Amino acid sequence: MSGMSGVIEKNIKAYDKKAGDYENTLDGRLTEKFKNLLVANMSVNDGDAVLDVACGNGALLSKIARVKNIRGFGIDISPQMIAQAGIRNGGFHFAVGGCDKIPFETASMNIVTVCAAYHHFPDVGAFAREAERVLRPGGSLYIAEISLPAVFRHIANVFMPLLNTGDVKIYSTGDITRNLSNAGFALVKSVKTGFVQIIQLQKTEFL
């Protein structure tokens, strides 16, 4: 395995293994804070179509659905995670798929979310273009991601390729917003709490 395909295979293997008991894994416990902060900083309306990219077992969509009556959609490259998401979230639509080729129609979503997964994406530019494509004009993109000071981020990024967890790179708020702005998004707000950053962007290109 090498390059992008190697990263994808590592991610599938790691998360298929965790799918059945994800909440009780170290990842599951750590990402609970990301999910709660993301929901607290989202603006959602009843009836919104919400797509969670790298949705895992659908836990984030479940949390959002407790607040508003959404139409939920999720994709993940782990077949076992998608199986769990379907079991736990009846009425929502889930599909196995990657961030670079989202299997939903153009301009079909009001909101796209990414929770504690952006650092796993092998091609963040392709994700940005796909997120812009599936969002309706004026739609929102929310990203909850790791936030580290520059020196620690640099050290982490040196060692990430050596791990078998499928992690690619930790990004600053500026890195993320620059990537998304190139695809037609404008920054709405960013919030940092401890090691978590929440970034809200809006699709600015009208069809």
Protein backbone atom coordinates (compact mmCIF):
# COMPACT_ATOMS: atom_id res chain seq x y z
CA MET A 1 0.00 0.00 0.00
CA SER A 2 1.21 3.51 -0.74
CA GLY A 3 -0.08 7.04 -1.10
CA MET A 4 -3.79 7.77 -1.06
CA SER A 5 -4.91 4.15 -1.38
CA GLY A 6 -2.74 3.20 1.59
CA VAL A 7 -4.34 5.86 3.78
CA ILE A 8 -7.83 4.72 2.79
CA GLU A 9 -7.09 1.08 3.51
CA LYS A 10 -5.66 1.95 6.94
CA ASN A 11 -8.77 3.94 7.78
CA ILE A 12 -11.13 1.17 6.67
CA LYS A 13 -9.26 -1.47 8.66
CA ALA A 14 -9.03 0.68 11.80
CA TYR A 15 -12.68 1.75 11.86
CA ASP A 16 -14.22 -1.55 10.77
CA LYS A 17 -12.52 -3.04 13.83
CA LYS A 18 -13.97 -0.37 16.17
CA ALA A 19 -17.48 -0.21 14.72
CA GLY A 20 -19.32 -2.58 17.03
CA ASP A 21 -18.33 -0.82 20.27
CA TYR A 22 -17.13 2.57 19.05
CA GLU A 23 -18.44 4.66 21.97
CA ASN A 24 -16.29 2.67 24.41
CA THR A 25 -13.07 3.00 22.42
CA LEU A 26 -10.53 5.76 23.08
CA ASP A 27 -11.54 7.41 19.78
CA GLY A 28 -15.20 7.23 20.68
CA ARG A 29 -14.69 8.86 24.07
CA LEU A 30 -12.43 11.61 22.70
CA THR A 31 -14.72 12.53 19.82
CA GLU A 32 -17.78 12.86 22.06
CA LYS A 33 -16.58 16.36 22.98
CA PHE A 34 -16.24 17.24 19.29
CA LYS A 35 -19.81 16.13 18.61
CA ASN A 36 -21.29 18.02 21.54
CA LEU A 37 -19.47 21.25 20.69
CA LEU A 38 -20.42 20.97 17.05
CA VAL A 39 -24.13 20.52 17.81
CA ALA A 40 -23.98 23.45 20.25
CA ASN A 41 -22.56 25.72 17.52
CA MET A 42 -24.83 24.67 14.66
CA SER A 43 -27.84 26.48 13.23
CA VAL A 44 -30.30 23.85 12.03
CA ASN A 45 -33.94 24.10 10.92
CA ASP A 46 -36.65 21.47 10.91
CA GLY A 47 -36.66 19.69 7.57
CA ASP A 48 -33.01 20.45 6.75
CA ALA A 49 -31.11 17.83 4.78
CA VAL A 50 -27.94 17.22 6.80
CA LEU A 51 -25.06 15.18 5.41
CA ASP A 52 -22.37 13.96 7.79
CA VAL A 53 -19.17 13.05 5.92
CA ALA A 54 -17.18 10.32 7.70
CA CYS A 55 -20.28 9.71 9.80
CA GLY A 56 -19.06 6.61 11.61
CA ASN A 57 -21.97 4.94 13.38
CA GLY A 58 -24.24 7.97 12.90
CA ALA A 59 -23.88 9.32 16.44
CA LEU A 60 -23.58 12.98 15.36
CA LEU A 61 -26.73 12.80 13.25
CA SER A 62 -28.53 11.23 16.20
CA LYS A 63 -27.53 14.17 18.39
CA ILE A 64 -28.67 16.72 15.80
CA ALA A 65 -31.98 14.87 15.38
CA ARG A 66 -32.68 15.32 19.09
CA VAL A 67 -32.63 19.08 18.52
CA LYS A 68 -34.39 19.38 15.14
CA ASN A 69 -36.43 17.16 12.87
CA ILE A 70 -33.81 16.74 10.16
CA ARG A 71 -33.48 14.55 7.10
CA GLY A 72 -30.25 12.72 7.83
CA PHE A 73 -27.65 11.42 5.39
CA GLY A 74 -24.23 9.93 6.08
CA ILE A 75 -21.24 8.48 4.28
CA ASP A 76 -18.21 6.64 5.59
CA ILE A 77 -15.52 4.49 3.99
CA SER A 78 -15.96 1.83 6.71
CA PRO A 79 -18.68 -0.68 5.72
CA GLN A 80 -19.02 -1.83 9.32
CA MET A 81 -19.55 1.73 10.56
CA ILE A 82 -22.23 2.27 7.92
CA ALA A 83 -23.92 -0.97 8.97
CA GLN A 84 -24.02 0.27 12.57
CA ALA A 85 -25.30 3.69 11.48
CA GLY A 86 -28.21 2.09 9.64
CA ILE A 87 -29.15 -0.04 12.64
CA ARG A 88 -29.05 2.90 15.04
CA ASN A 89 -30.71 5.54 12.86
CA GLY A 90 -33.82 4.21 11.16
CA GLY A 91 -35.19 6.60 8.56
CA PHE A 92 -31.84 8.15 7.66
CA HIS A 93 -29.93 7.27 4.52
CA PHE A 94 -26.37 5.97 4.73
CA ALA A 95 -23.89 4.90 2.07
CA VAL A 96 -20.32 3.63 1.90
CA GLY A 97 -18.29 6.36 0.25
CA GLY A 98 -15.26 8.61 0.48
CA CYS A 99 -14.91 12.34 1.00
CA ASP A 100 -13.64 12.85 -2.56
CA LYS A 101 -16.68 11.36 -4.33
CA ILE A 102 -19.86 11.94 -2.37
CA PRO A 103 -22.70 9.71 -3.66
CA PHE A 104 -25.49 12.31 -3.41
CA GLU A 105 -27.03 14.70 -5.91
CA THR A 106 -25.80 18.21 -6.65
CA ALA A 107 -27.41 20.94 -4.49
CA SER A 108 -29.28 18.36 -2.40
CA MET A 109 -28.08 19.32 1.11
CA ASN A 110 -28.69 22.24 3.44
CA ILE A 111 -25.83 21.35 5.76
CA VAL A 112 -22.64 19.28 5.50
CA THR A 113 -20.74 18.29 8.64
CA VAL A 114 -17.33 16.76 9.29
CA CYS A 115 -16.62 15.80 12.89
CA ALA A 116 -13.11 14.83 14.01
CA ALA A 117 -12.36 13.38 10.58
CA TYR A 118 -10.85 16.14 8.42
CA HIS A 119 -7.34 15.06 9.47
CA HIS A 120 -8.05 11.63 7.93
CA PHE A 121 -8.96 12.96 4.47
CA PRO A 122 -6.37 11.98 1.84
CA ASP A 123 -7.46 14.79 -0.52
CA VAL A 124 -8.94 17.82 1.24
CA GLY A 125 -9.15 19.72 -2.05
CA ALA A 126 -11.38 17.05 -3.58
CA PHE A 127 -13.53 17.08 -0.45
CA ALA A 128 -13.94 20.86 -0.67
CA ARG A 129 -15.16 20.62 -4.25
CA GLU A 130 -17.58 17.82 -3.43
CA ALA A 131 -18.96 19.62 -0.39
CA GLU A 132 -19.59 22.70 -2.53
CA ARG A 133 -21.31 20.56 -5.16
CA VAL A 134 -23.78 18.81 -2.85
CA LEU A 135 -24.69 21.92 -0.86
CA ARG A 136 -27.55 24.16 -1.91
CA PRO A 137 -26.78 27.85 -2.50
CA GLY A 138 -26.24 29.48 0.89
CA GLY A 139 -25.80 26.09 2.58
CA SER A 140 -23.50 25.66 5.56
CA LEU A 141 -20.42 23.50 6.08
CA TYR A 142 -19.39 22.76 9.66
CA ILE A 143 -16.04 21.23 10.54
CA ALA A 144 -15.09 20.10 14.05
CA GLU A 145 -11.40 19.35 14.10
CA ILE A 146 -8.34 19.01 16.33
CA SER A 147 -6.71 22.32 17.28
CA LEU A 148 -3.05 22.35 18.31
CA PRO A 149 -0.45 25.12 18.66
CA ALA A 150 1.83 25.37 15.63
CA VAL A 151 4.84 23.66 17.20
CA PHE A 152 2.82 20.65 18.41
CA ARG A 153 0.97 20.48 15.10
CA HIS A 154 4.29 20.29 13.26
CA ILE A 155 5.58 17.51 15.51
CA ALA A 156 2.36 15.53 15.16
CA ASN A 157 2.44 15.86 11.38
CA VAL A 158 5.99 14.49 11.24
CA PHE A 159 4.97 11.27 12.97
CA MET A 160 1.46 10.76 11.53
CA PRO A 161 2.61 8.95 8.34
CA LEU A 162 4.31 6.34 10.54
CA LEU A 163 1.07 5.34 12.27
CA ASN A 164 -1.41 2.68 11.16
CA THR A 165 -4.49 4.71 12.04
CA GLY A 166 -5.06 6.44 8.71
CA ASP A 167 -4.33 9.94 10.03
CA VAL A 168 -2.94 12.27 7.37
CA LYS A 169 -2.38 15.80 8.72
CA ILE A 170 -3.59 18.18 11.42
CA TYR A 171 -4.57 21.59 10.05
CA SER A 172 -4.83 25.09 11.47
CA THR A 173 -8.02 27.11 11.13
CA GLY A 174 -6.29 29.13 8.41
CA ASP A 175 -5.32 26.00 6.49
CA ILE A 176 -8.90 24.74 6.52
CA THR A 177 -10.51 28.04 5.58
CA ARG A 178 -8.05 28.64 2.72
CA ASN A 179 -8.78 25.22 1.26
CA LEU A 180 -12.53 25.74 1.46
CA SER A 181 -12.41 29.32 0.17
CA ASN A 182 -10.77 28.03 -3.00
CA ALA A 183 -13.89 25.92 -3.59
CA GLY A 184 -16.42 28.71 -3.11
CA PHE A 185 -16.90 28.95 0.66
CA ALA A 186 -16.73 31.96 2.96
CA LEU A 187 -15.83 31.78 6.65
CA VAL A 188 -18.78 32.56 8.93
CA LYS A 189 -17.19 31.89 12.31
CA SER A 190 -14.57 29.82 14.11
CA VAL A 191 -14.63 28.81 17.76
CA LYS A 192 -11.85 27.16 19.76
CA THR A 193 -12.37 25.30 23.03
CA GLY A 194 -9.31 23.53 24.35
CA PHE A 195 -8.05 21.17 21.66
CA VAL A 196 -11.23 21.45 19.55
CA GLN A 197 -11.95 23.98 16.79
CA ILE A 198 -15.38 24.47 15.23
CA ILE A 199 -15.42 26.16 11.83
CA GLN A 200 -18.57 27.27 10.03
CA LEU A 201 -18.43 28.19 6.35
CA GLN A 202 -21.10 29.10 3.83
CA LYS A 203 -21.37 28.24 0.17
CA THR A 204 -21.14 31.52 -1.71
CA GLU A 205 -21.39 30.40 -5.34
CA PHE A 206 -24.99 30.49 -6.56
CA LEU A 207 -26.16 28.04 -9.21
